[in-house]
Amino acid sequence: MQPQLIIQILTICALGGLLFAVGLRLRMDEIIGAVRQCRLAVILILNFAVVPALAVVLARMMGLDRAATIAIILLAASPFAPVVPVFTRMARADLALAAGLTSFVTILSAFITPWACVIALKSLSGAGDVRLNVLTTLVTLVATIVLPMALGVWLRHVSAPLSVRLLRPVEVLAEGTGALSLAFVTVREFQSILSTDWRVLVTMAVLSELCLLMGYLAGKGTRASRRVVALGTSNRNIALALLLAISNFANSPVVPGVVANGLLLIALGLVHVGIWRFLAPAPASQPTPSPPANEVADRVG
């Protein structure tokens, strides 16, 4: 079996499994409730239009080559990684908002991300040579993102006890498959990853920090809620970007470029989580309730 096909299968299984697990956790009213308590239009415009456009501008400013720019564009057009709720819990932010918003944005990404990539790629010099098969990509993303999550939400609706029993095994299997996929492509493209131009990593780091700031400003309400949008905007969906790269730019420097930048995003995400966890107050312990007055009197008597 071709290595690229192995990576593609592992990535599809990991992404589909993670989103099936997300669906098992959610009810539709939770998703709707999360969407209603944020500036949804601002978040969508920021993630699907502003961030890809900013990626193109930064890549031009740094003088990056075409393959490196494509890799950054694919990540820039893939918002709200499935790991955002995990990072949110670690950062002591609004977990309910993170789960609902990540689910909603991820579903939309199956339909919007391919078009966001096409528009951003048109800005490249000689863009006629850069082709992204939108129809095939849409079908792949709907099958990998929308259907597994919808299945999870449906199963949660019809049988909550079964969804609870399935949740942990599905999460472990999906996370293990995702780690295996990332490890496999990292080992296969190790030399290419090591030879990544420092300007590429600097560009991705600057983009990530700007995304964090813009996401925080685009948030609404408490710091915990703003941090959710900040984490979702700065932590791009590496599995989705890798799937796009393998499906449309196989056997090119775009694939190791996505992996190298993705590993950097994971590291930056953990740094942000660590800082916010340190700054956020620990959850207050619940005080022990006092016994009723008549019970105290009985004890004294």
C-alpha atoms as a PDB file:
ATOM      1  CA  MET A   1       0.000   0.000   0.000  1.00  0.00           C
ATOM      2  CA  GLN A   2       1.262   3.467  -0.886  1.00  0.00           C
ATOM      3  CA  PRO A   3       2.461   5.526   2.131  1.00  0.00           C
ATOM      4  CA  GLN A   4       0.292   8.480   1.081  1.00  0.00           C
ATOM      5  CA  LEU A   5      -2.772   6.233   1.050  1.00  0.00           C
ATOM      6  CA  ILE A   6      -1.901   4.913   4.510  1.00  0.00           C
ATOM      7  CA  ILE A   7      -1.606   8.461   5.834  1.00  0.00           C
ATOM      8  CA  GLN A   8      -4.897   9.418   4.206  1.00  0.00           C
ATOM      9  CA  ILE A   9      -6.745   6.435   5.697  1.00  0.00           C
ATOM     10  CA  LEU A  10      -5.289   7.030   9.168  1.00  0.00           C
ATOM     11  CA  THR A  11      -6.117  10.742   9.008  1.00  0.00           C
ATOM     12  CA  ILE A  12      -9.696  10.098   7.890  1.00  0.00           C
ATOM     13  CA  CYS A  13     -10.197   7.516  10.648  1.00  0.00           C
ATOM     14  CA  ALA A  14      -8.702   9.813  13.297  1.00  0.00           C
ATOM     15  CA  LEU A  15     -10.674  12.892  12.266  1.00  0.00           C
ATOM     16  CA  GLY A  16     -13.906  10.960  11.824  1.00  0.00           C
ATOM     17  CA  GLY A  17     -13.442   9.185  15.149  1.00  0.00           C
ATOM     18  CA  LEU A  18     -12.700  12.393  17.042  1.00  0.00           C
ATOM     19  CA  LEU A  19     -15.784  14.078  15.640  1.00  0.00           C
ATOM     20  CA  PHE A  20     -17.945  11.021  16.326  1.00  0.00           C
ATOM     21  CA  ALA A  21     -16.753  11.255  19.936  1.00  0.00           C
ATOM     22  CA  VAL A  22     -17.563  14.970  20.012  1.00  0.00           C
ATOM     23  CA  GLY A  23     -21.065  14.138  18.774  1.00  0.00           C
ATOM     24  CA  LEU A  24     -21.487  11.530  21.509  1.00  0.00           C
ATOM     25  CA  ARG A  25     -20.927  14.264  24.088  1.00  0.00           C
ATOM     26  CA  LEU A  26     -23.377  16.767  22.667  1.00  0.00           C
ATOM     27  CA  ARG A  27     -27.064  17.421  22.315  1.00  0.00           C
ATOM     28  CA  MET A  28     -28.351  19.688  19.581  1.00  0.00           C
ATOM     29  CA  ASP A  29     -29.651  22.197  22.139  1.00  0.00           C
ATOM     30  CA  GLU A  30     -26.133  22.453  23.599  1.00  0.00           C
ATOM     31  CA  ILE A  31     -24.718  23.327  20.180  1.00  0.00           C
ATOM     32  CA  ILE A  32     -27.458  25.903  19.581  1.00  0.00           C
ATOM     33  CA  GLY A  33     -26.966  27.351  23.061  1.00  0.00           C
ATOM     34  CA  ALA A  34     -23.224  27.722  22.520  1.00  0.00           C
ATOM     35  CA  VAL A  35     -23.743  29.405  19.158  1.00  0.00           C
ATOM     36  CA  ARG A  36     -26.241  31.884  20.603  1.00  0.00           C
ATOM     37  CA  GLN A  37     -23.901  33.109  23.333  1.00  0.00           C
ATOM     38  CA  CYS A  38     -21.090  34.243  21.001  1.00  0.00           C
ATOM     39  CA  ARG A  39     -20.548  36.606  18.094  1.00  0.00           C
ATOM     40  CA  LEU A  40     -20.920  33.856  15.545  1.00  0.00           C
ATOM     41  CA  ALA A  41     -20.778  36.030  12.404  1.00  0.00           C
ATOM     42  CA  VAL A  42     -17.589  37.726  13.604  1.00  0.00           C
ATOM     43  CA  ILE A  43     -15.991  34.378  14.479  1.00  0.00           C
ATOM     44  CA  LEU A  44     -16.826  32.854  11.088  1.00  0.00           C
ATOM     45  CA  ILE A  45     -15.574  35.853   9.108  1.00  0.00           C
ATOM     46  CA  LEU A  46     -12.411  35.936  11.186  1.00  0.00           C
ATOM     47  CA  ASN A  47     -11.622  32.242  10.790  1.00  0.00           C
ATOM     48  CA  PHE A  48     -12.649  31.608   7.201  1.00  0.00           C
ATOM     49  CA  ALA A  49     -11.731  34.965   5.600  1.00  0.00           C
ATOM     50  CA  VAL A  50      -9.439  37.131   7.715  1.00  0.00           C
ATOM     51  CA  VAL A  51      -7.024  34.416   8.859  1.00  0.00           C
ATOM     52  CA  PRO A  52      -6.436  32.922   5.347  1.00  0.00           C
ATOM     53  CA  ALA A  53      -5.973  36.442   3.932  1.00  0.00           C
ATOM     54  CA  LEU A  54      -3.537  37.287   6.731  1.00  0.00           C
ATOM     55  CA  ALA A  55      -1.642  34.059   6.019  1.00  0.00           C
ATOM     56  CA  VAL A  56      -1.176  35.097   2.377  1.00  0.00           C
ATOM     57  CA  VAL A  57       0.033  38.575   3.401  1.00  0.00           C
ATOM     58  CA  LEU A  58       2.536  37.222   5.937  1.00  0.00           C
ATOM     59  CA  ALA A  59       3.821  34.594   3.479  1.00  0.00           C
ATOM     60  CA  ARG A  60       4.444  37.313   0.895  1.00  0.00           C
ATOM     61  CA  MET A  61       6.153  39.552   3.419  1.00  0.00           C
ATOM     62  CA  MET A  62       8.494  36.702   4.403  1.00  0.00           C
ATOM     63  CA  GLY A  63       9.162  35.738   0.776  1.00  0.00           C
ATOM     64  CA  LEU A  64       8.046  32.116   1.174  1.00  0.00           C
ATOM     65  CA  ASP A  65       7.979  29.750  -1.776  1.00  0.00           C
ATOM     66  CA  ARG A  66       4.759  28.375  -3.220  1.00  0.00           C
ATOM     67  CA  ALA A  67       4.716  25.020  -1.387  1.00  0.00           C
ATOM     68  CA  ALA A  68       5.328  26.647   1.993  1.00  0.00           C
ATOM     69  CA  THR A  69       2.608  29.216   1.328  1.00  0.00           C
ATOM     70  CA  ILE A  70       0.102  26.528   0.316  1.00  0.00           C
ATOM     71  CA  ALA A  71       0.817  24.582   3.511  1.00  0.00           C
ATOM     72  CA  ILE A  72       0.170  27.663   5.633  1.00  0.00           C
ATOM     73  CA  ILE A  73      -3.004  28.493   3.676  1.00  0.00           C
ATOM     74  CA  LEU A  74      -4.402  24.988   4.233  1.00  0.00           C
ATOM     75  CA  LEU A  75      -3.884  25.365   7.978  1.00  0.00           C
ATOM     76  CA  ALA A  76      -5.201  28.939   7.982  1.00  0.00           C
ATOM     77  CA  ALA A  77      -8.446  27.809   6.327  1.00  0.00           C
ATOM     78  CA  SER A  78      -8.976  24.957   8.847  1.00  0.00           C
ATOM     79  CA  PRO A  79     -10.172  26.473  12.149  1.00  0.00           C
ATOM     80  CA  PHE A  80     -11.083  25.026  15.540  1.00  0.00           C
ATOM     81  CA  ALA A  81      -9.172  21.774  15.921  1.00  0.00           C
ATOM     82  CA  PRO A  82     -11.025  18.969  17.745  1.00  0.00           C
ATOM     83  CA  VAL A  83      -8.422  19.318  20.515  1.00  0.00           C
ATOM     84  CA  VAL A  84      -9.772  22.784  21.440  1.00  0.00           C
ATOM     85  CA  PRO A  85     -12.196  21.431  24.113  1.00  0.00           C
ATOM     86  CA  VAL A  86      -9.265  19.534  25.675  1.00  0.00           C
ATOM     87  CA  PHE A  87      -7.115  22.660  25.706  1.00  0.00           C
ATOM     88  CA  THR A  88     -10.087  24.600  27.075  1.00  0.00           C
ATOM     89  CA  ARG A  89     -10.484  22.227  29.994  1.00  0.00           C
ATOM     90  CA  MET A  90      -6.751  22.441  30.736  1.00  0.00           C
ATOM     91  CA  ALA A  91      -6.888  26.257  30.583  1.00  0.00           C
ATOM     92  CA  ARG A  92      -9.940  26.357  32.901  1.00  0.00           C
ATOM     93  CA  ALA A  93     -12.016  28.157  30.287  1.00  0.00           C
ATOM     94  CA  ASP A  94     -15.657  27.691  29.227  1.00  0.00           C
ATOM     95  CA  LEU A  95     -15.808  24.000  28.299  1.00  0.00           C
ATOM     96  CA  ALA A  96     -19.486  23.985  27.247  1.00  0.00           C
ATOM     97  CA  LEU A  97     -18.905  26.860  24.845  1.00  0.00           C
ATOM     98  CA  ALA A  98     -15.769  25.177  23.482  1.00  0.00           C
ATOM     99  CA  ALA A  99     -17.558  21.904  22.752  1.00  0.00           C
ATOM    100  CA  GLY A 100     -20.554  23.537  21.094  1.00  0.00           C
ATOM    101  CA  LEU A 101     -18.605  26.111  19.086  1.00  0.00           C
ATOM    102  CA  THR A 102     -15.949  23.611  17.962  1.00  0.00           C
ATOM    103  CA  SER A 103     -18.665  21.256  16.757  1.00  0.00           C
ATOM    104  CA  PHE A 104     -20.531  23.945  14.828  1.00  0.00           C
ATOM    105  CA  VAL A 105     -17.456  25.511  13.208  1.00  0.00           C
ATOM    106  CA  THR A 106     -16.035  22.108  12.309  1.00  0.00           C
ATOM    107  CA  ILE A 107     -19.261  21.133  10.549  1.00  0.00           C
ATOM    108  CA  LEU A 108     -19.178  24.388   8.581  1.00  0.00           C
ATOM    109  CA  SER A 109     -15.520  23.824   7.692  1.00  0.00           C
ATOM    110  CA  ALA A 110     -16.503  20.777   5.644  1.00  0.00           C
ATOM    111  CA  PHE A 111     -18.350  23.143   3.290  1.00  0.00           C
ATOM    112  CA  ILE A 112     -16.439  26.438   3.634  1.00  0.00           C
ATOM    113  CA  THR A 113     -12.784  25.396   3.980  1.00  0.00           C
ATOM    114  CA  PRO A 114     -12.383  24.119   0.380  1.00  0.00           C
ATOM    115  CA  TRP A 115     -13.717  27.407  -1.017  1.00  0.00           C
ATOM    116  CA  ALA A 116     -11.619  29.465   1.405  1.00  0.00           C
ATOM    117  CA  CYS A 117      -8.564  27.554   0.173  1.00  0.00           C
ATOM    118  CA  VAL A 118      -9.475  28.104  -3.487  1.00  0.00           C
ATOM    119  CA  ILE A 119      -9.882  31.860  -2.973  1.00  0.00           C
ATOM    120  CA  ALA A 120      -6.634  32.171  -1.016  1.00  0.00           C
ATOM    121  CA  LEU A 121      -4.678  30.036  -3.500  1.00  0.00           C
ATOM    122  CA  LYS A 122      -5.761  32.310  -6.355  1.00  0.00           C
ATOM    123  CA  SER A 123      -3.581  35.028  -4.856  1.00  0.00           C
ATOM    124  CA  LEU A 124      -0.433  32.989  -5.569  1.00  0.00           C
ATOM    125  CA  SER A 125       1.711  33.768  -8.586  1.00  0.00           C
ATOM    126  CA  GLY A 126       0.965  31.306 -11.379  1.00  0.00           C
ATOM    127  CA  ALA A 127      -2.197  30.295  -9.574  1.00  0.00           C
ATOM    128  CA  GLY A 128      -3.449  28.491 -12.657  1.00  0.00           C
ATOM    129  CA  ASP A 129      -1.017  25.668 -11.893  1.00  0.00           C
ATOM    130  CA  VAL A 130      -2.401  25.241  -8.365  1.00  0.00           C
ATOM    131  CA  ARG A 131      -5.544  23.150  -8.445  1.00  0.00           C
ATOM    132  CA  LEU A 132      -7.784  21.958  -5.641  1.00  0.00           C
ATOM    133  CA  ASN A 133     -10.503  19.481  -6.552  1.00  0.00           C
ATOM    134  CA  VAL A 134     -13.371  21.145  -4.723  1.00  0.00           C
ATOM    135  CA  LEU A 135     -16.046  18.529  -5.435  1.00  0.00           C
ATOM    136  CA  THR A 136     -13.920  15.568  -4.328  1.00  0.00           C
ATOM    137  CA  THR A 137     -12.751  17.515  -1.299  1.00  0.00           C
ATOM    138  CA  LEU A 138     -16.311  18.434  -0.312  1.00  0.00           C
ATOM    139  CA  VAL A 139     -17.468  14.822  -0.554  1.00  0.00           C
ATOM    140  CA  THR A 140     -14.473  13.633   1.487  1.00  0.00           C
ATOM    141  CA  LEU A 141     -15.003  16.247   4.194  1.00  0.00           C
ATOM    142  CA  VAL A 142     -18.740  15.648   4.467  1.00  0.00           C
ATOM    143  CA  ALA A 143     -18.077  11.919   4.885  1.00  0.00           C
ATOM    144  CA  THR A 144     -15.249  12.520   7.356  1.00  0.00           C
ATOM    145  CA  ILE A 145     -16.662  15.403   9.417  1.00  0.00           C
ATOM    146  CA  VAL A 146     -20.398  15.911   9.062  1.00  0.00           C
ATOM    147  CA  LEU A 147     -21.626  12.311   9.007  1.00  0.00           C
ATOM    148  CA  PRO A 148     -19.598  11.031  12.010  1.00  0.00           C
ATOM    149  CA  MET A 149     -20.577  14.015  14.153  1.00  0.00           C
ATOM    150  CA  ALA A 150     -24.232  13.769  13.108  1.00  0.00           C
ATOM    151  CA  LEU A 151     -24.169  10.059  13.924  1.00  0.00           C
ATOM    152  CA  GLY A 152     -22.746  10.796  17.370  1.00  0.00           C
ATOM    153  CA  VAL A 153     -25.372  13.466  18.122  1.00  0.00           C
ATOM    154  CA  TRP A 154     -28.154  11.143  16.906  1.00  0.00           C
ATOM    155  CA  LEU A 155     -26.882   8.270  19.035  1.00  0.00           C
ATOM    156  CA  ARG A 156     -26.695  10.545  22.064  1.00  0.00           C
ATOM    157  CA  HIS A 157     -30.306  11.554  21.399  1.00  0.00           C
ATOM    158  CA  VAL A 158     -31.734   8.037  21.025  1.00  0.00           C
ATOM    159  CA  SER A 159     -29.631   6.280  23.667  1.00  0.00           C
ATOM    160  CA  ALA A 160     -27.680   8.382  26.128  1.00  0.00           C
ATOM    161  CA  PRO A 161     -26.460   5.337  28.165  1.00  0.00           C
ATOM    162  CA  LEU A 162     -25.018   3.697  25.039  1.00  0.00           C
ATOM    163  CA  SER A 163     -23.300   6.929  23.991  1.00  0.00           C
ATOM    164  CA  VAL A 164     -21.714   7.178  27.436  1.00  0.00           C
ATOM    165  CA  ARG A 165     -20.380   3.617  27.198  1.00  0.00           C
ATOM    166  CA  LEU A 166     -18.998   4.200  23.714  1.00  0.00           C
ATOM    167  CA  LEU A 167     -17.463   7.605  24.371  1.00  0.00           C
ATOM    168  CA  ARG A 168     -14.200   6.682  26.094  1.00  0.00           C
ATOM    169  CA  PRO A 169     -13.289   3.730  23.813  1.00  0.00           C
ATOM    170  CA  VAL A 170     -14.004   5.853  20.723  1.00  0.00           C
ATOM    171  CA  GLU A 171     -11.899   8.728  22.090  1.00  0.00           C
ATOM    172  CA  VAL A 172      -8.970   6.459  22.902  1.00  0.00           C
ATOM    173  CA  LEU A 173      -9.105   4.767  19.495  1.00  0.00           C
ATOM    174  CA  ALA A 174      -9.428   8.068  17.593  1.00  0.00           C
ATOM    175  CA  GLU A 175      -6.687   9.802  19.564  1.00  0.00           C
ATOM    176  CA  GLY A 176      -4.403   6.792  19.116  1.00  0.00           C
ATOM    177  CA  THR A 177      -5.084   6.724  15.373  1.00  0.00           C
ATOM    178  CA  GLY A 178      -4.428  10.450  15.150  1.00  0.00           C
ATOM    179  CA  ALA A 179      -1.131  10.097  16.997  1.00  0.00           C
ATOM    180  CA  LEU A 180      -0.195   7.181  14.747  1.00  0.00           C
ATOM    181  CA  SER A 181      -1.047   9.186  11.629  1.00  0.00           C
ATOM    182  CA  LEU A 182       1.013  12.174  12.770  1.00  0.00           C
ATOM    183  CA  ALA A 183       3.901   9.929  13.824  1.00  0.00           C
ATOM    184  CA  PHE A 184       3.824   8.024  10.517  1.00  0.00           C
ATOM    185  CA  VAL A 185       3.903  11.139   8.359  1.00  0.00           C
ATOM    186  CA  THR A 186       6.522  12.734  10.628  1.00  0.00           C
ATOM    187  CA  VAL A 187       8.857   9.750  10.294  1.00  0.00           C
ATOM    188  CA  ARG A 188       8.277   9.486   6.544  1.00  0.00           C
ATOM    189  CA  GLU A 189       8.860  13.201   5.964  1.00  0.00           C
ATOM    190  CA  PHE A 190      11.424  13.638   8.743  1.00  0.00           C
ATOM    191  CA  GLN A 191      14.231  14.970   6.578  1.00  0.00           C
ATOM    192  CA  SER A 192      11.897  17.389   4.820  1.00  0.00           C
ATOM    193  CA  ILE A 193      10.539  18.592   8.153  1.00  0.00           C
ATOM    194  CA  LEU A 194      14.052  19.152   9.505  1.00  0.00           C
ATOM    195  CA  SER A 195      14.951  21.175   6.437  1.00  0.00           C
ATOM    196  CA  THR A 196      11.956  23.499   6.847  1.00  0.00           C
ATOM    197  CA  ASP A 197      12.998  27.105   6.262  1.00  0.00           C
ATOM    198  CA  TRP A 198      13.075  29.056   9.525  1.00  0.00           C
ATOM    199  CA  ARG A 199      11.057  31.794   7.828  1.00  0.00           C
ATOM    200  CA  VAL A 200       8.174  29.356   7.413  1.00  0.00           C
ATOM    201  CA  LEU A 201       8.053  28.595  11.137  1.00  0.00           C
ATOM    202  CA  VAL A 202       8.377  32.275  12.042  1.00  0.00           C
ATOM    203  CA  THR A 203       5.485  33.083   9.700  1.00  0.00           C
ATOM    204  CA  MET A 204       3.325  30.370  11.270  1.00  0.00           C
ATOM    205  CA  ALA A 205       4.232  31.464  14.797  1.00  0.00           C
ATOM    206  CA  VAL A 206       3.371  35.104  14.065  1.00  0.00           C
ATOM    207  CA  LEU A 207       0.101  34.036  12.427  1.00  0.00           C
ATOM    208  CA  SER A 208      -0.790  31.880  15.423  1.00  0.00           C
ATOM    209  CA  GLU A 209      -0.150  34.675  17.926  1.00  0.00           C
ATOM    210  CA  LEU A 210      -2.143  37.169  15.860  1.00  0.00           C
ATOM    211  CA  CYS A 211      -4.975  34.623  15.659  1.00  0.00           C
ATOM    212  CA  LEU A 212      -4.895  34.218  19.432  1.00  0.00           C
ATOM    213  CA  LEU A 213      -5.187  37.978  19.921  1.00  0.00           C
ATOM    214  CA  MET A 214      -7.899  38.443  17.282  1.00  0.00           C
ATOM    215  CA  GLY A 215      -9.853  35.497  18.643  1.00  0.00           C
ATOM    216  CA  TYR A 216      -9.734  36.887  22.157  1.00  0.00           C
ATOM    217  CA  LEU A 217     -10.960  40.283  20.936  1.00  0.00           C
ATOM    218  CA  ALA A 218     -13.696  38.621  18.856  1.00  0.00           C
ATOM    219  CA  GLY A 219     -14.965  36.762  21.905  1.00  0.00           C
ATOM    220  CA  LYS A 220     -17.783  37.961  24.076  1.00  0.00           C
ATOM    221  CA  GLY A 221     -18.488  38.046  27.779  1.00  0.00           C
ATOM    222  CA  THR A 222     -16.136  36.631  30.390  1.00  0.00           C
ATOM    223  CA  ARG A 223     -12.444  35.881  30.044  1.00  0.00           C
ATOM    224  CA  ALA A 224     -13.257  32.170  30.053  1.00  0.00           C
ATOM    225  CA  SER A 225     -15.504  32.618  27.000  1.00  0.00           C
ATOM    226  CA  ARG A 226     -12.998  34.828  25.176  1.00  0.00           C
ATOM    227  CA  ARG A 227     -10.264  32.276  25.725  1.00  0.00           C
ATOM    228  CA  VAL A 228     -12.364  29.654  23.961  1.00  0.00           C
ATOM    229  CA  VAL A 229     -12.542  31.759  20.796  1.00  0.00           C
ATOM    230  CA  ALA A 230      -8.848  32.599  21.114  1.00  0.00           C
ATOM    231  CA  LEU A 231      -7.871  28.926  21.411  1.00  0.00           C
ATOM    232  CA  GLY A 232     -10.161  27.925  18.549  1.00  0.00           C
ATOM    233  CA  THR A 233      -8.813  30.635  16.264  1.00  0.00           C
ATOM    234  CA  SER A 234      -5.142  29.961  17.004  1.00  0.00           C
ATOM    235  CA  ASN A 235      -5.303  26.141  17.056  1.00  0.00           C
ATOM    236  CA  ARG A 236      -5.975  25.174  13.461  1.00  0.00           C
ATOM    237  CA  ASN A 237      -7.314  21.745  12.500  1.00  0.00           C
ATOM    238  CA  ILE A 238      -4.111  19.896  11.583  1.00  0.00           C
ATOM    239  CA  ALA A 239      -5.892  16.683  10.599  1.00  0.00           C
ATOM    240  CA  LEU A 240      -8.166  18.578   8.216  1.00  0.00           C
ATOM    241  CA  ALA A 241      -5.256  20.491   6.659  1.00  0.00           C
ATOM    242  CA  LEU A 242      -3.256  17.262   6.317  1.00  0.00           C
ATOM    243  CA  LEU A 243      -6.201  15.549   4.637  1.00  0.00           C
ATOM    244  CA  LEU A 244      -6.478  18.446   2.167  1.00  0.00           C
ATOM    245  CA  ALA A 245      -2.737  18.316   1.491  1.00  0.00           C
ATOM    246  CA  ILE A 246      -2.675  14.563   0.849  1.00  0.00           C
ATOM    247  CA  SER A 247      -5.832  14.668  -1.284  1.00  0.00           C
ATOM    248  CA  ASN A 248      -4.686  17.543  -3.497  1.00  0.00           C
ATOM    249  CA  PHE A 249      -0.892  17.914  -3.168  1.00  0.00           C
ATOM    250  CA  ALA A 250       0.376  14.371  -2.560  1.00  0.00           C
ATOM    251  CA  ASN A 251       4.119  13.711  -2.986  1.00  0.00           C
ATOM    252  CA  SER A 252       4.893  17.424  -2.748  1.00  0.00           C
ATOM    253  CA  PRO A 253       6.612  19.618  -0.123  1.00  0.00           C
ATOM    254  CA  VAL A 254       3.145  20.804   0.952  1.00  0.00           C
ATOM    255  CA  VAL A 255       2.592  17.672   3.085  1.00  0.00           C
ATOM    256  CA  PRO A 256       5.742  17.996   5.263  1.00  0.00           C
ATOM    257  CA  GLY A 257       5.058  21.737   5.409  1.00  0.00           C
ATOM    258  CA  VAL A 258       1.655  21.096   6.983  1.00  0.00           C
ATOM    259  CA  VAL A 259       3.186  18.655   9.463  1.00  0.00           C
ATOM    260  CA  ALA A 260       6.043  20.975  10.476  1.00  0.00           C
ATOM    261  CA  ASN A 261       3.696  23.917  11.001  1.00  0.00           C
ATOM    262  CA  GLY A 262       1.155  21.672  12.733  1.00  0.00           C
ATOM    263  CA  LEU A 263       3.713  20.493  15.268  1.00  0.00           C
ATOM    264  CA  LEU A 264       4.609  24.123  15.938  1.00  0.00           C
ATOM    265  CA  LEU A 265       0.925  24.959  16.499  1.00  0.00           C
ATOM    266  CA  ILE A 266       0.598  22.116  19.012  1.00  0.00           C
ATOM    267  CA  ALA A 267       3.604  23.417  20.933  1.00  0.00           C
ATOM    268  CA  LEU A 268       2.294  26.996  20.935  1.00  0.00           C
ATOM    269  CA  GLY A 269      -1.142  25.799  21.991  1.00  0.00           C
ATOM    270  CA  LEU A 270       0.325  23.999  24.991  1.00  0.00           C
ATOM    271  CA  VAL A 271       2.269  27.130  25.953  1.00  0.00           C
ATOM    272  CA  HIS A 272      -0.902  29.229  25.846  1.00  0.00           C
ATOM    273  CA  VAL A 273      -2.785  26.619  27.869  1.00  0.00           C
ATOM    274  CA  GLY A 274       0.004  26.506  30.455  1.00  0.00           C
ATOM    275  CA  ILE A 275       0.043  30.287  30.853  1.00  0.00           C
ATOM    276  CA  TRP A 276      -3.728  30.570  31.175  1.00  0.00           C
ATOM    277  CA  ARG A 277      -3.926  27.633  33.559  1.00  0.00           C
ATOM    278  CA  PHE A 278      -1.332  29.328  35.752  1.00  0.00           C
ATOM    279  CA  LEU A 279      -3.192  32.642  35.643  1.00  0.00           C
ATOM    280  CA  ALA A 280      -6.703  31.213  36.051  1.00  0.00           C
ATOM    281  CA  PRO A 281      -7.868  30.679  39.647  1.00  0.00           C
ATOM    282  CA  ALA A 282      -8.365  27.083  40.702  1.00  0.00           C
ATOM    283  CA  PRO A 283     -11.999  25.990  40.998  1.00  0.00           C
ATOM    284  CA  ALA A 284     -13.298  26.813  44.458  1.00  0.00           C
ATOM    285  CA  SER A 285     -13.924  23.797  46.639  1.00  0.00           C
ATOM    286  CA  GLN A 286     -17.488  23.340  47.741  1.00  0.00           C
ATOM    287  CA  PRO A 287     -17.972  24.113  51.477  1.00  0.00           C
ATOM    288  CA  THR A 288     -19.342  21.388  53.644  1.00  0.00           C
ATOM    289  CA  PRO A 289     -23.005  22.186  54.335  1.00  0.00           C
ATOM    290  CA  SER A 290     -23.864  22.970  57.920  1.00  0.00           C
ATOM    291  CA  PRO A 291     -26.302  20.579  59.613  1.00  0.00           C
ATOM    292  CA  PRO A 292     -29.796  21.874  60.412  1.00  0.00           C
ATOM    293  CA  ALA A 293     -30.208  23.686  63.722  1.00  0.00           C
ATOM    294  CA  ASN A 294     -32.512  21.009  65.197  1.00  0.00           C
ATOM    295  CA  GLU A 295     -29.929  18.313  64.374  1.00  0.00           C
ATOM    296  CA  VAL A 296     -27.241  20.338  66.178  1.00  0.00           C
ATOM    297  CA  ALA A 297     -29.528  20.687  69.185  1.00  0.00           C
ATOM    298  CA  ASP A 298     -30.143  16.914  69.225  1.00  0.00           C
ATOM    299  CA  ARG A 299     -26.409  16.242  69.155  1.00  0.00           C
ATOM    300  CA  VAL A 300     -25.767  18.688  71.987  1.00  0.00           C
ATOM    301  CA  GLY A 301     -28.610  17.175  73.978  1.00  0.00           C
END
